[in-house]
Amino acid sequence: MAEQATKSIIVGAGVGEVFEAWSNFENFPSFMKNIKSVEKRADGSTHWTMDGPLGKRVEWDAETTMFEPNKRIAWHSRDGSAIKTSGQVTFAEMGTGQTQVNLTIQWVVPARKGGEALAGLLTHPEKRVEEDLYNFKTYVEGRKATV
């Protein structure tokens, strides 16, 4: 079952600062509710760990497919991942120290034993993406306030 969500938010910081915060994937546990860790690998991929159903962890590897500084980042999960995901985030300078962040993400939960439970993680994708973007905004604007 595929789920997709597209959401946007305005962050009160310049595009460079916003891009830097997002492009450091190890920051994601600071603003994405179910992400527990993101580790960069020597080959440039990332290893993701997420809280799963019934207290189990879900893990997958992803690779960045497009990286345009201050403009866009795109990715997809690697073959054999428990969750297949792909998407992109774009950044648009709005002037006056504001940046619009546009996120499109798609998940496909494999149809195999446990897939139904994993699908529960992905209910209401629009709401989940909206919450994560709001948390990202708060994270970036909070960092700016403490600098």
N, C-alpha and C. Protein backbone atom coordinates (compact mmCIF):
# COMPACT_ATOMS: atom_id res chain seq x y z
N MET A 1 0.84 -1.18 0.00
CA MET A 1 0.00 0.00 0.00
C MET A 1 0.88 1.24 0.00
N ALA A 2 0.72 2.12 -0.95
CA ALA A 2 1.52 3.34 -1.06
C ALA A 2 0.77 4.50 -0.42
N GLU A 3 1.50 5.31 0.27
CA GLU A 3 0.98 6.54 0.86
C GLU A 3 1.89 7.67 0.41
N GLN A 4 1.29 8.81 0.13
CA GLN A 4 2.09 9.97 -0.26
C GLN A 4 1.54 11.20 0.42
N ALA A 5 2.44 12.11 0.76
CA ALA A 5 2.04 13.36 1.38
C ALA A 5 2.91 14.48 0.82
N THR A 6 2.29 15.64 0.63
CA THR A 6 2.99 16.85 0.21
C THR A 6 2.54 17.98 1.11
N LYS A 7 3.48 18.66 1.71
CA LYS A 7 3.18 19.78 2.61
C LYS A 7 4.26 20.84 2.47
N SER A 8 3.91 22.07 2.85
CA SER A 8 4.84 23.20 2.84
C SER A 8 4.74 23.96 4.15
N ILE A 9 5.82 24.66 4.48
CA ILE A 9 5.82 25.51 5.67
C ILE A 9 6.82 26.63 5.45
N ILE A 10 6.59 27.77 6.09
CA ILE A 10 7.51 28.89 6.05
C ILE A 10 8.31 28.86 7.35
N VAL A 11 9.65 28.86 7.22
CA VAL A 11 10.55 28.85 8.36
C VAL A 11 11.20 30.22 8.47
N GLY A 12 11.24 30.75 9.67
CA GLY A 12 11.81 32.07 9.92
C GLY A 12 13.32 32.06 10.01
N ALA A 13 13.98 31.70 8.91
CA ALA A 13 15.44 31.70 8.83
C ALA A 13 15.81 31.72 7.35
N GLY A 14 17.03 32.13 7.07
CA GLY A 14 17.50 32.18 5.69
C GLY A 14 17.66 30.80 5.08
N VAL A 15 17.66 30.75 3.76
CA VAL A 15 17.69 29.46 3.06
C VAL A 15 18.94 28.66 3.40
N GLY A 16 20.08 29.30 3.57
CA GLY A 16 21.30 28.57 3.91
C GLY A 16 21.20 27.86 5.24
N GLU A 17 20.68 28.54 6.23
CA GLU A 17 20.53 27.94 7.55
C GLU A 17 19.50 26.81 7.55
N VAL A 18 18.40 27.02 6.84
CA VAL A 18 17.35 26.00 6.76
C VAL A 18 17.87 24.76 6.02
N PHE A 19 18.54 24.97 4.90
CA PHE A 19 19.10 23.86 4.13
C PHE A 19 20.11 23.09 4.96
N GLU A 20 20.98 23.80 5.65
CA GLU A 20 22.02 23.15 6.47
C GLU A 20 21.39 22.27 7.54
N ALA A 21 20.34 22.77 8.19
CA ALA A 21 19.68 21.99 9.24
C ALA A 21 19.06 20.71 8.67
N TRP A 22 18.41 20.81 7.50
CA TRP A 22 17.77 19.63 6.91
C TRP A 22 18.81 18.66 6.35
N SER A 23 19.85 19.18 5.72
CA SER A 23 20.82 18.31 5.04
C SER A 23 21.70 17.53 6.01
N ASN A 24 21.71 17.91 7.27
CA ASN A 24 22.39 17.11 8.28
C ASN A 24 21.36 16.11 8.82
N PHE A 25 21.24 14.98 8.13
CA PHE A 25 20.19 14.01 8.43
C PHE A 25 20.23 13.51 9.87
N GLU A 26 21.40 13.59 10.49
CA GLU A 26 21.51 13.17 11.88
C GLU A 26 20.70 14.06 12.83
N ASN A 27 20.24 15.22 12.34
CA ASN A 27 19.36 16.11 13.11
C ASN A 27 17.93 15.59 13.19
N PHE A 28 17.53 14.69 12.29
CA PHE A 28 16.12 14.31 12.16
C PHE A 28 15.47 13.83 13.46
N PRO A 29 16.15 13.09 14.33
CA PRO A 29 15.49 12.71 15.59
C PRO A 29 15.08 13.91 16.46
N SER A 30 15.66 15.07 16.19
CA SER A 30 15.31 16.27 16.94
C SER A 30 13.96 16.84 16.55
N PHE A 31 13.45 16.46 15.37
CA PHE A 31 12.17 17.04 14.95
C PHE A 31 11.21 16.04 14.31
N MET A 32 11.63 14.82 14.06
CA MET A 32 10.72 13.81 13.53
C MET A 32 10.38 12.81 14.63
N LYS A 33 9.11 12.77 14.95
CA LYS A 33 8.62 12.05 16.12
C LYS A 33 9.11 10.61 16.25
N ASN A 34 9.00 9.81 15.21
CA ASN A 34 9.32 8.39 15.32
C ASN A 34 10.74 8.01 14.93
N ILE A 35 11.51 8.96 14.41
CA ILE A 35 12.89 8.66 14.01
C ILE A 35 13.77 8.68 15.26
N LYS A 36 14.44 7.57 15.50
CA LYS A 36 15.31 7.45 16.68
C LYS A 36 16.76 7.75 16.38
N SER A 37 17.21 7.40 15.16
CA SER A 37 18.60 7.71 14.81
C SER A 37 18.76 7.67 13.29
N VAL A 38 19.73 8.45 12.84
CA VAL A 38 20.16 8.43 11.44
C VAL A 38 21.68 8.46 11.47
N GLU A 39 22.28 7.46 10.84
CA GLU A 39 23.74 7.36 10.82
C GLU A 39 24.25 7.44 9.39
N LYS A 40 25.24 8.31 9.18
CA LYS A 40 25.87 8.41 7.88
C LYS A 40 26.83 7.23 7.72
N ARG A 41 26.84 6.65 6.54
CA ARG A 41 27.73 5.53 6.23
C ARG A 41 28.87 6.03 5.36
N ALA A 42 29.95 5.27 5.33
CA ALA A 42 31.14 5.64 4.55
C ALA A 42 30.84 5.76 3.06
N ASP A 43 29.87 4.98 2.56
CA ASP A 43 29.54 5.01 1.12
C ASP A 43 28.60 6.16 0.76
N GLY A 44 28.26 7.02 1.72
CA GLY A 44 27.38 8.16 1.47
C GLY A 44 25.92 7.88 1.75
N SER A 45 25.56 6.62 1.99
CA SER A 45 24.18 6.30 2.33
C SER A 45 23.93 6.63 3.81
N THR A 46 22.69 6.49 4.22
CA THR A 46 22.33 6.69 5.63
C THR A 46 21.55 5.49 6.12
N HIS A 47 21.72 5.19 7.40
CA HIS A 47 20.98 4.10 8.04
C HIS A 47 20.00 4.73 9.02
N TRP A 48 18.70 4.41 8.86
CA TRP A 48 17.63 5.00 9.63
C TRP A 48 17.04 3.98 10.61
N THR A 49 16.75 4.43 11.81
CA THR A 49 16.08 3.60 12.82
C THR A 49 14.86 4.37 13.30
N MET A 50 13.74 3.65 13.31
CA MET A 50 12.45 4.26 13.65
C MET A 50 11.74 3.38 14.67
N ASP A 51 10.99 3.98 15.59
CA ASP A 51 10.16 3.20 16.49
C ASP A 51 9.07 2.54 15.69
N GLY A 52 8.94 1.24 15.84
CA GLY A 52 7.93 0.49 15.11
C GLY A 52 6.81 0.04 16.01
N PRO A 53 5.91 -0.73 15.46
CA PRO A 53 4.77 -1.23 16.24
C PRO A 53 5.22 -2.24 17.29
N LEU A 54 4.46 -2.30 18.36
CA LEU A 54 4.70 -3.27 19.43
C LEU A 54 6.10 -3.15 20.01
N GLY A 55 6.64 -1.94 20.05
CA GLY A 55 7.94 -1.70 20.66
C GLY A 55 9.13 -2.17 19.84
N LYS A 56 8.90 -2.59 18.60
CA LYS A 56 10.00 -3.05 17.76
C LYS A 56 10.53 -1.90 16.93
N ARG A 57 11.79 -2.00 16.60
CA ARG A 57 12.42 -0.98 15.76
C ARG A 57 12.34 -1.39 14.30
N VAL A 58 12.21 -0.41 13.43
CA VAL A 58 12.22 -0.62 11.99
C VAL A 58 13.46 0.10 11.47
N GLU A 59 14.24 -0.59 10.64
CA GLU A 59 15.47 0.00 10.12
C GLU A 59 15.51 -0.12 8.60
N TRP A 60 16.15 0.86 7.96
CA TRP A 60 16.34 0.83 6.52
C TRP A 60 17.52 1.71 6.13
N ASP A 61 18.00 1.49 4.93
CA ASP A 61 19.08 2.30 4.37
C ASP A 61 18.54 3.14 3.23
N ALA A 62 19.05 4.35 3.12
CA ALA A 62 18.59 5.26 2.08
C ALA A 62 19.80 5.91 1.41
N GLU A 63 19.58 6.38 0.20
CA GLU A 63 20.63 7.12 -0.48
C GLU A 63 20.05 8.40 -1.07
N THR A 64 20.88 9.42 -1.06
CA THR A 64 20.50 10.71 -1.63
C THR A 64 20.68 10.62 -3.13
N THR A 65 19.64 11.00 -3.86
CA THR A 65 19.69 10.92 -5.32
C THR A 65 19.90 12.28 -5.97
N MET A 66 19.65 13.34 -5.21
CA MET A 66 19.86 14.70 -5.72
C MET A 66 20.22 15.59 -4.53
N PHE A 67 21.25 16.39 -4.70
CA PHE A 67 21.69 17.28 -3.63
C PHE A 67 22.13 18.58 -4.27
N GLU A 68 21.23 19.56 -4.27
CA GLU A 68 21.51 20.89 -4.82
C GLU A 68 21.51 21.87 -3.65
N PRO A 69 22.69 22.33 -3.21
CA PRO A 69 22.76 23.19 -2.04
C PRO A 69 21.78 24.37 -2.11
N ASN A 70 21.07 24.55 -1.01
CA ASN A 70 20.09 25.63 -0.82
C ASN A 70 18.89 25.54 -1.75
N LYS A 71 18.73 24.41 -2.46
CA LYS A 71 17.61 24.26 -3.39
C LYS A 71 16.81 22.99 -3.19
N ARG A 72 17.48 21.82 -3.24
CA ARG A 72 16.72 20.57 -3.24
C ARG A 72 17.56 19.39 -2.76
N ILE A 73 16.86 18.46 -2.07
CA ILE A 73 17.43 17.17 -1.69
C ILE A 73 16.37 16.12 -2.05
N ALA A 74 16.79 15.06 -2.74
CA ALA A 74 15.88 13.96 -3.05
C ALA A 74 16.54 12.66 -2.58
N TRP A 75 15.74 11.64 -2.33
CA TRP A 75 16.26 10.38 -1.80
C TRP A 75 15.33 9.22 -2.15
N HIS A 76 15.84 8.03 -1.92
CA HIS A 76 15.01 6.82 -1.93
C HIS A 76 15.69 5.77 -1.07
N SER A 77 14.89 4.86 -0.56
CA SER A 77 15.45 3.78 0.24
C SER A 77 16.10 2.76 -0.69
N ARG A 78 17.03 2.03 -0.13
CA ARG A 78 17.72 1.00 -0.91
C ARG A 78 16.87 -0.26 -1.00
N ASP A 79 17.16 -1.05 -2.02
CA ASP A 79 16.46 -2.33 -2.19
C ASP A 79 16.61 -3.18 -0.93
N GLY A 80 15.56 -3.90 -0.60
CA GLY A 80 15.59 -4.79 0.55
C GLY A 80 15.22 -4.11 1.86
N SER A 81 14.87 -2.83 1.82
CA SER A 81 14.50 -2.11 3.04
C SER A 81 13.13 -2.55 3.54
N ALA A 82 12.94 -2.50 4.85
CA ALA A 82 11.65 -2.85 5.46
C ALA A 82 10.56 -1.89 4.99
N ILE A 83 10.93 -0.64 4.78
CA ILE A 83 10.00 0.37 4.27
C ILE A 83 10.64 0.97 3.03
N LYS A 84 9.90 1.06 1.97
CA LYS A 84 10.39 1.74 0.78
C LYS A 84 9.90 3.18 0.86
N THR A 85 10.81 4.10 0.73
CA THR A 85 10.46 5.50 0.82
C THR A 85 11.23 6.27 -0.25
N SER A 86 10.62 7.33 -0.71
CA SER A 86 11.30 8.24 -1.64
C SER A 86 10.66 9.60 -1.46
N GLY A 87 11.34 10.60 -1.95
CA GLY A 87 10.77 11.93 -1.88
C GLY A 87 11.78 13.00 -2.17
N GLN A 88 11.32 14.23 -1.97
CA GLN A 88 12.21 15.36 -2.13
C GLN A 88 11.73 16.51 -1.27
N VAL A 89 12.68 17.34 -0.90
CA VAL A 89 12.38 18.57 -0.19
C VAL A 89 13.05 19.70 -0.95
N THR A 90 12.31 20.78 -1.16
CA THR A 90 12.86 21.95 -1.85
C THR A 90 12.81 23.15 -0.91
N PHE A 91 13.69 24.09 -1.17
CA PHE A 91 13.84 25.28 -0.33
C PHE A 91 13.77 26.51 -1.22
N ALA A 92 12.91 27.46 -0.86
CA ALA A 92 12.75 28.68 -1.65
C ALA A 92 12.93 29.89 -0.73
N GLU A 93 13.91 30.71 -1.04
CA GLU A 93 14.17 31.95 -0.29
C GLU A 93 12.97 32.87 -0.47
N MET A 94 12.40 33.32 0.65
CA MET A 94 11.23 34.19 0.59
C MET A 94 11.60 35.66 0.84
N GLY A 95 12.85 35.91 1.16
CA GLY A 95 13.27 37.26 1.53
C GLY A 95 12.95 37.50 2.99
N THR A 96 13.44 38.59 3.53
CA THR A 96 13.22 38.97 4.94
C THR A 96 13.48 37.81 5.91
N GLY A 97 14.51 36.99 5.60
CA GLY A 97 14.89 35.93 6.53
C GLY A 97 13.89 34.80 6.64
N GLN A 98 13.17 34.52 5.58
CA GLN A 98 12.22 33.41 5.59
C GLN A 98 12.48 32.48 4.42
N THR A 99 12.21 31.18 4.65
CA THR A 99 12.39 30.16 3.62
C THR A 99 11.16 29.27 3.58
N GLN A 100 10.67 29.03 2.38
CA GLN A 100 9.57 28.07 2.23
C GLN A 100 10.17 26.69 2.00
N VAL A 101 9.71 25.73 2.79
CA VAL A 101 10.15 24.34 2.68
C VAL A 101 8.97 23.54 2.12
N ASN A 102 9.20 22.84 1.02
CA ASN A 102 8.18 22.02 0.38
C ASN A 102 8.64 20.56 0.42
N LEU A 103 7.86 19.71 1.05
CA LEU A 103 8.24 18.31 1.22
C LEU A 103 7.21 17.40 0.56
N THR A 104 7.69 16.50 -0.27
CA THR A 104 6.86 15.43 -0.83
C THR A 104 7.54 14.12 -0.46
N ILE A 105 6.79 13.22 0.15
CA ILE A 105 7.35 11.95 0.57
C ILE A 105 6.36 10.84 0.25
N GLN A 106 6.89 9.71 -0.15
CA GLN A 106 6.06 8.54 -0.44
C GLN A 106 6.62 7.34 0.31
N TRP A 107 5.71 6.53 0.86
CA TRP A 107 6.06 5.29 1.54
C TRP A 107 5.34 4.14 0.88
N VAL A 108 6.02 3.02 0.78
CA VAL A 108 5.38 1.78 0.35
C VAL A 108 5.77 0.72 1.37
N VAL A 109 4.78 0.18 2.05
CA VAL A 109 5.04 -0.87 3.04
C VAL A 109 4.90 -2.21 2.33
N PRO A 110 5.94 -3.05 2.41
CA PRO A 110 5.88 -4.33 1.73
C PRO A 110 4.70 -5.18 2.22
N ALA A 111 4.09 -5.92 1.30
CA ALA A 111 2.97 -6.80 1.63
C ALA A 111 3.54 -8.15 2.06
N ARG A 112 3.98 -8.21 3.29
CA ARG A 112 4.50 -9.46 3.84
C ARG A 112 4.16 -9.49 5.32
N LYS A 113 4.44 -10.59 5.96
CA LYS A 113 4.12 -10.72 7.38
C LYS A 113 4.70 -9.53 8.14
N GLY A 114 3.88 -8.90 8.93
CA GLY A 114 4.30 -7.71 9.66
C GLY A 114 4.02 -6.43 8.89
N GLY A 115 3.75 -6.54 7.60
CA GLY A 115 3.49 -5.36 6.78
C GLY A 115 2.27 -4.60 7.26
N GLU A 116 1.27 -5.33 7.75
CA GLU A 116 0.07 -4.67 8.25
C GLU A 116 0.42 -3.81 9.47
N ALA A 117 1.27 -4.35 10.34
CA ALA A 117 1.68 -3.59 11.52
C ALA A 117 2.50 -2.37 11.12
N LEU A 118 3.41 -2.55 10.15
CA LEU A 118 4.20 -1.41 9.68
C LEU A 118 3.32 -0.37 9.05
N ALA A 119 2.27 -0.79 8.36
CA ALA A 119 1.37 0.15 7.73
C ALA A 119 0.75 1.08 8.77
N GLY A 120 0.58 0.60 10.00
CA GLY A 120 0.04 1.42 11.07
C GLY A 120 0.91 2.62 11.38
N LEU A 121 2.21 2.50 11.12
CA LEU A 121 3.12 3.63 11.33
C LEU A 121 2.82 4.76 10.37
N LEU A 122 2.23 4.43 9.25
CA LEU A 122 2.09 5.39 8.17
C LEU A 122 0.66 5.88 8.01
N THR A 123 -0.15 5.69 9.04
CA THR A 123 -1.51 6.21 8.94
C THR A 123 -1.48 7.72 9.00
N HIS A 124 -2.41 8.34 8.33
CA HIS A 124 -2.53 9.80 8.29
C HIS A 124 -1.22 10.47 7.88
N PRO A 125 -0.67 10.10 6.71
CA PRO A 125 0.64 10.65 6.31
C PRO A 125 0.64 12.16 6.19
N GLU A 126 -0.46 12.76 5.74
CA GLU A 126 -0.49 14.22 5.62
C GLU A 126 -0.31 14.87 6.99
N LYS A 127 -0.98 14.34 7.99
CA LYS A 127 -0.87 14.90 9.34
C LYS A 127 0.53 14.69 9.91
N ARG A 128 1.09 13.51 9.67
CA ARG A 128 2.44 13.22 10.18
C ARG A 128 3.46 14.16 9.55
N VAL A 129 3.37 14.37 8.24
CA VAL A 129 4.31 15.26 7.56
C VAL A 129 4.12 16.69 8.06
N GLU A 130 2.88 17.10 8.23
CA GLU A 130 2.61 18.45 8.75
C GLU A 130 3.22 18.64 10.13
N GLU A 131 3.07 17.66 11.01
CA GLU A 131 3.65 17.74 12.36
C GLU A 131 5.17 17.78 12.30
N ASP A 132 5.77 16.93 11.46
CA ASP A 132 7.22 16.91 11.35
C ASP A 132 7.76 18.24 10.81
N LEU A 133 7.06 18.83 9.83
CA LEU A 133 7.49 20.13 9.31
C LEU A 133 7.36 21.23 10.37
N TYR A 134 6.29 21.19 11.13
CA TYR A 134 6.13 22.18 12.20
C TYR A 134 7.25 22.02 13.23
N ASN A 135 7.57 20.77 13.57
CA ASN A 135 8.66 20.52 14.52
C ASN A 135 10.00 20.99 13.94
N PHE A 136 10.19 20.82 12.62
CA PHE A 136 11.40 21.30 11.97
C PHE A 136 11.50 22.82 12.07
N LYS A 137 10.40 23.50 11.78
CA LYS A 137 10.34 24.96 11.89
C LYS A 137 10.74 25.40 13.30
N THR A 138 10.15 24.78 14.30
CA THR A 138 10.45 25.10 15.69
C THR A 138 11.91 24.83 16.01
N TYR A 139 12.43 23.72 15.51
CA TYR A 139 13.84 23.35 15.72
C TYR A 139 14.77 24.41 15.14
N VAL A 140 14.56 24.80 13.88
CA VAL A 140 15.44 25.77 13.21
C VAL A 140 15.31 27.13 13.87
N GLU A 141 14.09 27.57 14.11
CA GLU A 141 13.90 28.90 14.71
C GLU A 141 14.43 28.94 16.14
N GLY A 142 14.36 27.83 16.85
CA GLY A 142 14.93 27.76 18.21
C GLY A 142 16.44 27.82 18.19
N ARG A 143 17.05 27.18 17.19
CA ARG A 143 18.52 27.23 17.05
C ARG A 143 18.95 28.65 16.77
N LYS A 144 18.17 29.34 15.93
CA LYS A 144 18.50 30.72 15.55
C LYS A 144 18.44 31.63 16.78
N ALA A 145 17.46 31.39 17.65
CA ALA A 145 17.28 32.22 18.84
C ALA A 145 18.42 32.04 19.83
N THR A 146 19.08 30.86 19.81
CA THR A 146 20.15 30.60 20.79
C THR A 146 21.53 30.95 20.25
N VAL A 147 21.62 31.36 19.00
CA VAL A 147 22.94 31.68 18.40
C VAL A 147 23.34 33.08 18.77
